[in-house]
Amino acid sequence: MLEIGVAFYEMLQNVDQYNKHLHYMDPICDFLYHLKYMFTGDSVKDQVEKIICNLRPAVKLRLRFITHISKMEPATAPQPASVSSPAPQSAQGPVSVPLSVAQ
């Protein structure tokens, strides 16, 4: 089963290299996660990491938890905004606003 698991990653790498658009990317990645958690575990992690690092960014992003490599995080991830305190809240109670309803 371990050899078959690695073979799926190698096939994905070949398809990824020779095609501009990868159809069914999410189901393929779901299947690879299923293989990892049900059958191979971390026993093929070293072999799979090398393959995942050579995949396109969109696939790397989806498979980032298989290898747990933090440097595989997307380079375009939004940076946290500067933290500022929220606007001061007034001490008033709830405000009632009449709404007109057309009949």
N, C-alpha and C. Protein backbone atom coordinates (compact mmCIF):
# COMPACT_ATOMS: atom_id res chain seq x y z
N MET A 1 0.83 -1.20 0.00
CA MET A 1 0.00 0.00 0.00
C MET A 1 0.87 1.26 0.00
N LEU A 2 2.03 1.19 0.63
CA LEU A 2 2.89 2.37 0.69
C LEU A 2 3.40 2.75 -0.69
N GLU A 3 3.78 1.76 -1.49
CA GLU A 3 4.27 2.04 -2.84
C GLU A 3 3.17 2.63 -3.71
N ILE A 4 1.96 2.13 -3.54
CA ILE A 4 0.83 2.66 -4.30
C ILE A 4 0.56 4.11 -3.91
N GLY A 5 0.65 4.40 -2.62
CA GLY A 5 0.44 5.77 -2.16
C GLY A 5 1.43 6.74 -2.78
N VAL A 6 2.70 6.36 -2.81
CA VAL A 6 3.72 7.22 -3.42
C VAL A 6 3.48 7.32 -4.93
N ALA A 7 3.05 6.24 -5.54
CA ALA A 7 2.78 6.25 -6.99
C ALA A 7 1.69 7.25 -7.34
N PHE A 8 0.68 7.40 -6.48
CA PHE A 8 -0.37 8.40 -6.74
C PHE A 8 0.21 9.82 -6.75
N TYR A 9 1.12 10.11 -5.83
CA TYR A 9 1.75 11.43 -5.81
C TYR A 9 2.61 11.64 -7.05
N GLU A 10 3.32 10.59 -7.49
CA GLU A 10 4.14 10.70 -8.69
C GLU A 10 3.27 10.94 -9.92
N MET A 11 2.13 10.26 -9.98
CA MET A 11 1.21 10.49 -11.10
C MET A 11 0.68 11.91 -11.09
N LEU A 12 0.33 12.41 -9.89
CA LEU A 12 -0.14 13.78 -9.77
C LEU A 12 0.94 14.76 -10.23
N GLN A 13 2.18 14.49 -9.89
CA GLN A 13 3.29 15.37 -10.31
C GLN A 13 3.41 15.38 -11.84
N ASN A 14 3.30 14.23 -12.47
CA ASN A 14 3.37 14.18 -13.93
C ASN A 14 2.23 14.95 -14.58
N VAL A 15 1.03 14.75 -14.07
CA VAL A 15 -0.13 15.46 -14.62
C VAL A 15 0.02 16.96 -14.39
N ASP A 16 0.51 17.34 -13.23
CA ASP A 16 0.66 18.75 -12.88
C ASP A 16 1.69 19.43 -13.79
N GLN A 17 2.76 18.72 -14.12
CA GLN A 17 3.81 19.31 -14.95
C GLN A 17 3.39 19.49 -16.40
N TYR A 18 2.58 18.59 -16.91
CA TYR A 18 2.28 18.59 -18.34
C TYR A 18 0.92 19.17 -18.71
N ASN A 19 0.21 19.74 -17.75
CA ASN A 19 -1.09 20.34 -18.03
C ASN A 19 -1.14 21.74 -17.45
N LYS A 20 -1.77 22.64 -18.20
CA LYS A 20 -1.90 24.02 -17.72
C LYS A 20 -2.92 24.13 -16.60
N HIS A 21 -4.01 23.37 -16.73
CA HIS A 21 -5.07 23.44 -15.72
C HIS A 21 -5.34 22.04 -15.18
N LEU A 22 -5.41 21.94 -13.90
CA LEU A 22 -5.66 20.64 -13.26
C LEU A 22 -7.13 20.58 -12.85
N HIS A 23 -7.88 19.74 -13.55
CA HIS A 23 -9.29 19.56 -13.23
C HIS A 23 -9.42 18.65 -12.01
N TYR A 24 -10.48 18.81 -11.25
CA TYR A 24 -10.79 17.97 -10.10
C TYR A 24 -9.70 18.02 -9.03
N MET A 25 -9.10 19.18 -8.85
CA MET A 25 -8.01 19.34 -7.89
C MET A 25 -8.46 19.01 -6.46
N ASP A 26 -9.61 19.50 -6.06
CA ASP A 26 -10.08 19.25 -4.70
C ASP A 26 -10.36 17.77 -4.44
N PRO A 27 -11.09 17.07 -5.32
CA PRO A 27 -11.30 15.64 -5.07
C PRO A 27 -10.00 14.83 -5.07
N ILE A 28 -9.04 15.22 -5.92
CA ILE A 28 -7.75 14.52 -5.93
C ILE A 28 -7.05 14.70 -4.60
N CYS A 29 -7.02 15.93 -4.11
CA CYS A 29 -6.36 16.20 -2.82
C CYS A 29 -7.10 15.51 -1.68
N ASP A 30 -8.42 15.49 -1.73
CA ASP A 30 -9.19 14.77 -0.71
C ASP A 30 -8.83 13.29 -0.70
N PHE A 31 -8.67 12.71 -1.89
CA PHE A 31 -8.29 11.31 -1.99
C PHE A 31 -6.91 11.07 -1.39
N LEU A 32 -5.96 11.98 -1.62
CA LEU A 32 -4.61 11.81 -1.06
C LEU A 32 -4.63 11.95 0.46
N TYR A 33 -5.45 12.85 0.98
CA TYR A 33 -5.60 12.95 2.43
C TYR A 33 -6.19 11.65 2.99
N HIS A 34 -7.17 11.11 2.30
CA HIS A 34 -7.79 9.85 2.74
C HIS A 34 -6.75 8.74 2.78
N LEU A 35 -5.92 8.65 1.77
CA LEU A 35 -4.84 7.64 1.76
C LEU A 35 -3.92 7.80 2.96
N LYS A 36 -3.56 9.05 3.23
CA LYS A 36 -2.64 9.28 4.35
C LYS A 36 -3.26 8.87 5.67
N TYR A 37 -4.45 9.33 5.93
CA TYR A 37 -5.03 9.12 7.25
C TYR A 37 -5.60 7.71 7.45
N MET A 38 -5.92 7.02 6.38
CA MET A 38 -6.48 5.68 6.53
C MET A 38 -5.45 4.57 6.31
N PHE A 39 -4.40 4.81 5.51
CA PHE A 39 -3.53 3.72 5.13
C PHE A 39 -2.04 3.96 5.37
N THR A 40 -1.49 5.10 4.94
CA THR A 40 -0.03 5.25 4.97
C THR A 40 0.50 5.98 6.19
N GLY A 41 -0.26 6.91 6.73
CA GLY A 41 0.23 7.69 7.86
C GLY A 41 1.45 8.51 7.45
N ASP A 42 2.43 8.62 8.34
CA ASP A 42 3.64 9.39 8.06
C ASP A 42 4.76 8.52 7.48
N SER A 43 4.47 7.26 7.16
CA SER A 43 5.52 6.35 6.69
C SER A 43 6.07 6.74 5.32
N VAL A 44 5.34 7.49 4.53
CA VAL A 44 5.83 7.92 3.21
C VAL A 44 6.06 9.44 3.17
N LYS A 45 6.10 10.05 4.34
CA LYS A 45 6.18 11.50 4.42
C LYS A 45 7.41 12.06 3.71
N ASP A 46 8.57 11.47 3.90
CA ASP A 46 9.79 11.99 3.29
C ASP A 46 9.72 11.94 1.76
N GLN A 47 9.20 10.86 1.22
CA GLN A 47 9.10 10.73 -0.23
C GLN A 47 8.07 11.70 -0.80
N VAL A 48 6.98 11.86 -0.08
CA VAL A 48 5.88 12.69 -0.55
C VAL A 48 6.21 14.17 -0.46
N GLU A 49 6.98 14.58 0.56
CA GLU A 49 7.36 15.98 0.70
C GLU A 49 8.10 16.49 -0.53
N LYS A 50 9.01 15.68 -1.04
CA LYS A 50 9.79 16.09 -2.22
C LYS A 50 8.88 16.30 -3.41
N ILE A 51 7.89 15.45 -3.55
CA ILE A 51 6.97 15.56 -4.69
C ILE A 51 6.07 16.79 -4.52
N ILE A 52 5.53 16.97 -3.33
CA ILE A 52 4.61 18.09 -3.09
C ILE A 52 5.32 19.43 -3.30
N CYS A 53 6.58 19.51 -2.94
CA CYS A 53 7.33 20.76 -3.13
C CYS A 53 7.48 21.14 -4.60
N ASN A 54 7.33 20.18 -5.50
CA ASN A 54 7.47 20.45 -6.93
C ASN A 54 6.14 20.70 -7.63
N LEU A 55 5.05 20.71 -6.90
CA LEU A 55 3.73 20.92 -7.49
C LEU A 55 3.42 22.40 -7.59
N ARG A 56 2.42 22.74 -8.38
CA ARG A 56 2.02 24.15 -8.52
C ARG A 56 1.48 24.67 -7.18
N PRO A 57 1.55 25.98 -6.96
CA PRO A 57 1.15 26.56 -5.68
C PRO A 57 -0.26 26.20 -5.22
N ALA A 58 -1.20 26.12 -6.14
CA ALA A 58 -2.58 25.80 -5.74
C ALA A 58 -2.68 24.41 -5.15
N VAL A 59 -1.92 23.46 -5.68
CA VAL A 59 -1.95 22.09 -5.15
C VAL A 59 -1.17 22.03 -3.85
N LYS A 60 -0.03 22.74 -3.79
CA LYS A 60 0.75 22.79 -2.55
C LYS A 60 -0.11 23.31 -1.40
N LEU A 61 -0.88 24.34 -1.71
CA LEU A 61 -1.75 24.93 -0.69
C LEU A 61 -2.73 23.90 -0.16
N ARG A 62 -3.30 23.10 -1.04
CA ARG A 62 -4.28 22.10 -0.61
C ARG A 62 -3.65 20.92 0.11
N LEU A 63 -2.39 20.63 -0.18
CA LEU A 63 -1.73 19.47 0.44
C LEU A 63 -0.77 19.86 1.55
N ARG A 64 -0.81 21.11 2.00
CA ARG A 64 0.17 21.59 2.97
C ARG A 64 0.12 20.84 4.30
N PHE A 65 -1.03 20.28 4.66
CA PHE A 65 -1.13 19.60 5.95
C PHE A 65 -0.64 18.16 5.90
N ILE A 66 -0.43 17.63 4.71
CA ILE A 66 0.11 16.27 4.61
C ILE A 66 1.55 16.25 5.08
N THR A 67 2.30 17.30 4.78
CA THR A 67 3.72 17.33 5.15
C THR A 67 3.98 18.20 6.37
N HIS A 68 3.10 19.10 6.69
CA HIS A 68 3.25 20.01 7.84
C HIS A 68 4.49 20.88 7.70
N ILE A 69 4.81 21.27 6.49
CA ILE A 69 5.95 22.17 6.29
C ILE A 69 5.42 23.59 6.29
N SER A 70 5.90 24.40 7.23
CA SER A 70 5.38 25.76 7.33
C SER A 70 5.84 26.63 6.17
N LYS A 71 6.99 26.33 5.56
CA LYS A 71 7.46 27.15 4.45
C LYS A 71 6.66 26.92 3.18
N MET A 72 5.75 25.94 3.20
CA MET A 72 4.90 25.70 2.03
C MET A 72 3.68 26.60 2.04
N GLU A 73 3.54 27.42 3.05
CA GLU A 73 2.41 28.34 3.10
C GLU A 73 2.51 29.28 1.91
N PRO A 74 1.40 29.72 1.37
CA PRO A 74 1.45 30.57 0.19
C PRO A 74 2.15 31.89 0.48
N ALA A 75 2.94 32.35 -0.47
CA ALA A 75 3.68 33.60 -0.30
C ALA A 75 2.75 34.80 -0.36
N THR A 76 1.57 34.62 -0.92
CA THR A 76 0.65 35.74 -1.06
C THR A 76 -0.39 35.78 0.05
N ALA A 77 -0.12 35.10 1.15
CA ALA A 77 -1.07 35.10 2.25
C ALA A 77 -1.20 36.52 2.79
N PRO A 78 -2.41 36.93 3.11
CA PRO A 78 -2.60 38.30 3.60
C PRO A 78 -1.89 38.49 4.93
N GLN A 79 -1.21 39.60 5.04
CA GLN A 79 -0.52 39.93 6.27
C GLN A 79 -1.53 40.48 7.26
N PRO A 80 -1.34 40.19 8.56
CA PRO A 80 -2.30 40.71 9.54
C PRO A 80 -2.28 42.23 9.56
N ALA A 81 -3.45 42.80 9.64
CA ALA A 81 -3.57 44.25 9.69
C ALA A 81 -3.10 44.75 11.04
N SER A 82 -2.71 45.99 11.08
CA SER A 82 -2.27 46.55 12.35
C SER A 82 -3.44 46.52 13.34
N VAL A 83 -3.12 46.17 14.55
CA VAL A 83 -4.15 46.03 15.57
C VAL A 83 -4.44 47.39 16.16
N SER A 84 -5.69 47.75 16.16
CA SER A 84 -6.10 49.02 16.76
C SER A 84 -7.28 48.73 17.68
N SER A 85 -7.44 49.59 18.64
CA SER A 85 -8.54 49.38 19.58
C SER A 85 -9.85 49.72 18.89
N PRO A 86 -10.91 49.03 19.24
CA PRO A 86 -12.20 49.31 18.61
C PRO A 86 -12.70 50.70 18.98
N ALA A 87 -13.60 51.21 18.17
CA ALA A 87 -14.17 52.53 18.44
C ALA A 87 -14.90 52.49 19.78
N PRO A 88 -14.81 53.57 20.52
CA PRO A 88 -15.48 53.58 21.83
C PRO A 88 -16.98 53.41 21.67
N GLN A 89 -17.55 52.62 22.54
CA GLN A 89 -18.99 52.36 22.52
C GLN A 89 -19.67 53.33 23.47
N SER A 90 -20.84 53.79 23.07
CA SER A 90 -21.58 54.68 23.95
C SER A 90 -22.24 53.85 25.05
N ALA A 91 -22.50 54.46 26.14
CA ALA A 91 -23.08 53.77 27.29
C ALA A 91 -24.60 53.73 27.22
N GLN A 92 -25.17 54.10 26.09
CA GLN A 92 -26.62 54.12 25.95
C GLN A 92 -27.14 52.70 25.80
N GLY A 93 -28.43 52.55 26.05
CA GLY A 93 -29.08 51.27 25.89
C GLY A 93 -29.40 51.01 24.43
N PRO A 94 -30.19 50.01 24.16
CA PRO A 94 -30.55 49.69 22.77
C PRO A 94 -31.29 50.85 22.12
N VAL A 95 -31.08 51.02 20.84
CA VAL A 95 -31.69 52.10 20.08
C VAL A 95 -32.80 51.52 19.23
N SER A 96 -33.98 52.14 19.28
CA SER A 96 -35.09 51.69 18.46
C SER A 96 -35.16 52.58 17.22
N VAL A 97 -35.20 51.92 16.07
CA VAL A 97 -35.30 52.65 14.80
C VAL A 97 -36.58 52.19 14.15
N PRO A 98 -37.53 53.10 13.89
CA PRO A 98 -38.77 52.68 13.23
C PRO A 98 -38.51 52.32 11.77
N LEU A 99 -39.05 51.21 11.33
CA LEU A 99 -38.92 50.77 9.97
C LEU A 99 -40.27 50.87 9.30
N SER A 100 -40.29 51.45 8.12
CA SER A 100 -41.57 51.53 7.41
C SER A 100 -41.72 50.27 6.56
N VAL A 101 -42.91 49.70 6.56
CA VAL A 101 -43.20 48.49 5.82
C VAL A 101 -44.27 48.82 4.81
N ALA A 102 -43.97 48.54 3.55
CA ALA A 102 -44.96 48.80 2.49
C ALA A 102 -46.02 47.73 2.53
N GLN A 103 -47.30 48.16 2.38
CA GLN A 103 -48.39 47.18 2.42
C GLN A 103 -49.14 47.11 1.14
